[in-house]
N, C-alpha and C. Protein backbone atom coordinates (compact mmCIF):
# COMPACT_ATOMS: atom_id res chain seq x y z
N MET A 1 0.82 -1.19 0.00
CA MET A 1 0.00 0.00 0.00
C MET A 1 0.87 1.26 0.00
N MET A 2 1.94 1.22 0.74
CA MET A 2 2.83 2.37 0.83
C MET A 2 3.52 2.65 -0.51
N LYS A 3 3.88 1.59 -1.24
CA LYS A 3 4.52 1.76 -2.54
C LYS A 3 3.57 2.45 -3.52
N VAL A 4 2.31 2.09 -3.48
CA VAL A 4 1.31 2.68 -4.37
C VAL A 4 1.17 4.17 -4.06
N LEU A 5 1.13 4.52 -2.80
CA LEU A 5 1.02 5.93 -2.43
C LEU A 5 2.26 6.72 -2.86
N VAL A 6 3.43 6.12 -2.73
CA VAL A 6 4.66 6.79 -3.16
C VAL A 6 4.65 7.00 -4.66
N VAL A 7 4.23 5.99 -5.41
CA VAL A 7 4.18 6.11 -6.88
C VAL A 7 3.17 7.18 -7.29
N ILE A 8 2.02 7.20 -6.66
CA ILE A 8 1.00 8.20 -6.98
C ILE A 8 1.50 9.60 -6.63
N ALA A 9 2.11 9.74 -5.46
CA ALA A 9 2.64 11.05 -5.05
C ALA A 9 3.72 11.51 -6.00
N PHE A 10 4.62 10.62 -6.40
CA PHE A 10 5.69 10.98 -7.32
C PHE A 10 5.12 11.37 -8.69
N SER A 11 4.12 10.63 -9.15
CA SER A 11 3.49 10.94 -10.44
C SER A 11 2.83 12.32 -10.41
N LEU A 12 2.13 12.60 -9.32
CA LEU A 12 1.49 13.92 -9.20
C LEU A 12 2.52 15.04 -9.13
N LEU A 13 3.60 14.78 -8.42
CA LEU A 13 4.66 15.77 -8.32
C LEU A 13 5.29 16.06 -9.68
N MET A 14 5.57 15.01 -10.44
CA MET A 14 6.18 15.17 -11.76
C MET A 14 5.24 15.85 -12.74
N SER A 15 3.97 15.49 -12.70
CA SER A 15 3.03 16.12 -13.63
C SER A 15 2.79 17.59 -13.25
N GLY A 16 2.85 17.90 -11.97
CA GLY A 16 2.66 19.28 -11.53
C GLY A 16 3.86 20.15 -11.84
N CYS A 17 5.04 19.57 -11.90
CA CYS A 17 6.27 20.33 -12.16
C CYS A 17 6.64 20.39 -13.62
N SER A 18 5.95 19.66 -14.47
CA SER A 18 6.32 19.66 -15.90
C SER A 18 5.93 20.98 -16.53
N SER A 19 6.67 21.36 -17.55
CA SER A 19 6.38 22.61 -18.25
C SER A 19 5.54 22.33 -19.47
N ASP A 20 4.94 23.37 -20.01
CA ASP A 20 4.09 23.25 -21.19
C ASP A 20 4.79 23.74 -22.44
N GLU A 21 6.11 23.75 -22.46
CA GLU A 21 6.84 24.26 -23.62
C GLU A 21 6.54 23.47 -24.88
N SER A 22 6.44 22.18 -24.79
CA SER A 22 6.20 21.37 -25.98
C SER A 22 4.85 21.70 -26.60
N ASP A 23 3.83 21.97 -25.78
CA ASP A 23 2.53 22.31 -26.33
C ASP A 23 2.56 23.63 -27.08
N SER A 24 3.24 24.63 -26.52
CA SER A 24 3.29 25.92 -27.19
C SER A 24 4.09 25.83 -28.49
N ARG A 25 5.12 24.99 -28.50
CA ARG A 25 5.91 24.84 -29.71
C ARG A 25 5.08 24.17 -30.80
N GLU A 26 4.29 23.15 -30.43
CA GLU A 26 3.45 22.48 -31.40
C GLU A 26 2.40 23.44 -31.95
N GLU A 27 1.84 24.29 -31.10
CA GLU A 27 0.86 25.27 -31.57
C GLU A 27 1.52 26.25 -32.54
N THR A 28 2.75 26.64 -32.25
CA THR A 28 3.45 27.57 -33.12
C THR A 28 3.72 26.95 -34.48
N ILE A 29 4.16 25.70 -34.47
CA ILE A 29 4.43 25.02 -35.73
C ILE A 29 3.13 24.86 -36.52
N GLY A 30 2.07 24.48 -35.85
CA GLY A 30 0.78 24.34 -36.52
C GLY A 30 0.28 25.66 -37.07
N LYS A 31 0.47 26.72 -36.31
CA LYS A 31 0.05 28.05 -36.78
C LYS A 31 0.88 28.48 -37.98
N GLU A 32 2.17 28.19 -37.93
CA GLU A 32 3.05 28.55 -39.05
C GLU A 32 2.63 27.81 -40.31
N ILE A 33 2.32 26.53 -40.18
CA ILE A 33 1.89 25.74 -41.33
C ILE A 33 0.56 26.28 -41.86
N ALA A 34 -0.36 26.59 -40.96
CA ALA A 34 -1.66 27.12 -41.38
C ALA A 34 -1.51 28.48 -42.06
N ASP A 35 -0.63 29.33 -41.54
CA ASP A 35 -0.41 30.64 -42.16
C ASP A 35 0.18 30.48 -43.56
N ASP A 36 1.13 29.56 -43.71
CA ASP A 36 1.72 29.31 -45.03
C ASP A 36 0.67 28.78 -46.00
N TYR A 37 -0.15 27.87 -45.51
CA TYR A 37 -1.21 27.30 -46.34
C TYR A 37 -2.19 28.39 -46.78
N ASN A 38 -2.60 29.23 -45.84
CA ASN A 38 -3.55 30.31 -46.16
C ASN A 38 -2.95 31.29 -47.15
N ALA A 39 -1.66 31.60 -47.00
CA ALA A 39 -1.00 32.51 -47.94
C ALA A 39 -0.96 31.89 -49.33
N ALA A 40 -0.68 30.60 -49.41
CA ALA A 40 -0.64 29.93 -50.71
C ALA A 40 -2.03 29.91 -51.34
N MET A 41 -3.05 29.68 -50.54
CA MET A 41 -4.42 29.67 -51.07
C MET A 41 -4.83 31.06 -51.56
N ASP A 42 -4.44 32.10 -50.84
CA ASP A 42 -4.74 33.47 -51.27
C ASP A 42 -4.05 33.77 -52.60
N LYS A 43 -2.81 33.34 -52.73
CA LYS A 43 -2.07 33.57 -53.98
C LYS A 43 -2.72 32.80 -55.13
N ALA A 44 -3.16 31.58 -54.87
CA ALA A 44 -3.82 30.78 -55.90
C ALA A 44 -5.14 31.44 -56.33
N GLU A 45 -5.87 32.00 -55.39
CA GLU A 45 -7.11 32.69 -55.73
C GLU A 45 -6.84 33.92 -56.58
N ASP A 46 -5.75 34.63 -56.28
CA ASP A 46 -5.38 35.80 -57.09
C ASP A 46 -5.04 35.38 -58.52
N VAL A 47 -4.29 34.29 -58.64
CA VAL A 47 -3.92 33.79 -59.98
C VAL A 47 -5.17 33.37 -60.73
N GLU A 48 -6.09 32.69 -60.05
CA GLU A 48 -7.33 32.25 -60.68
C GLU A 48 -8.14 33.46 -61.17
N ALA A 49 -8.20 34.50 -60.36
CA ALA A 49 -8.94 35.70 -60.76
C ALA A 49 -8.32 36.36 -61.99
N LYS A 50 -6.98 36.41 -62.03
CA LYS A 50 -6.30 36.98 -63.20
C LYS A 50 -6.55 36.14 -64.44
N LEU A 51 -6.54 34.82 -64.30
CA LEU A 51 -6.80 33.95 -65.45
C LEU A 51 -8.21 34.13 -65.97
N LYS A 52 -9.17 34.25 -65.07
CA LYS A 52 -10.55 34.48 -65.49
C LYS A 52 -10.69 35.82 -66.20
N GLU A 53 -10.00 36.82 -65.68
CA GLU A 53 -10.04 38.15 -66.31
C GLU A 53 -9.46 38.09 -67.72
N GLN A 54 -8.34 37.41 -67.88
CA GLN A 54 -7.73 37.27 -69.20
C GLN A 54 -8.64 36.48 -70.14
N GLN A 55 -9.27 35.44 -69.62
CA GLN A 55 -10.18 34.65 -70.44
C GLN A 55 -11.34 35.49 -70.93
N GLU A 56 -11.88 36.33 -70.06
CA GLU A 56 -12.98 37.20 -70.45
C GLU A 56 -12.54 38.20 -71.51
N LYS A 57 -11.33 38.72 -71.39
CA LYS A 57 -10.82 39.67 -72.39
C LYS A 57 -10.66 38.98 -73.74
N ILE A 58 -10.16 37.75 -73.73
CA ILE A 58 -9.98 37.01 -74.98
C ILE A 58 -11.33 36.72 -75.62
N GLU A 59 -12.29 36.29 -74.82
CA GLU A 59 -13.62 36.00 -75.35
C GLU A 59 -14.28 37.25 -75.90
N GLU A 60 -14.09 38.38 -75.23
CA GLU A 60 -14.65 39.64 -75.72
C GLU A 60 -14.00 40.04 -77.03
N ALA A 61 -12.69 39.85 -77.14
CA ALA A 61 -11.99 40.18 -78.38
C ALA A 61 -12.47 39.29 -79.52
N LEU A 62 -12.69 38.03 -79.24
CA LEU A 62 -13.20 37.12 -80.28
C LEU A 62 -14.61 37.49 -80.71
N ARG A 63 -15.44 37.93 -79.76
CA ARG A 63 -16.81 38.33 -80.10
C ARG A 63 -16.82 39.57 -80.98
N THR A 64 -15.93 40.49 -80.71
CA THR A 64 -15.91 41.73 -81.50
C THR A 64 -15.33 41.50 -82.90
N GLN A 65 -14.46 40.51 -83.07
CA GLN A 65 -13.89 40.23 -84.38
C GLN A 65 -14.84 39.41 -85.25
N ASN A 66 -15.60 38.54 -84.65
CA ASN A 66 -16.52 37.69 -85.40
C ASN A 66 -17.95 38.07 -85.07
N PRO A 67 -18.55 38.96 -85.87
CA PRO A 67 -19.91 39.41 -85.57
C PRO A 67 -20.95 38.37 -85.82
């Protein structure tokens, strides 16, 4: 019985004294990945908008040349 109490007390002591540095680092890495992903998606949306704009200009030019 005494060994169990010592193990429980030691476990509680170790868990109470542990730091949360690993959790904050994981959140930072996850945030960095998400920020990079969002930036890439924004850039892709900009490229898509420019392509659509160019396509519309080409279609308009073709309509005006072929009545």
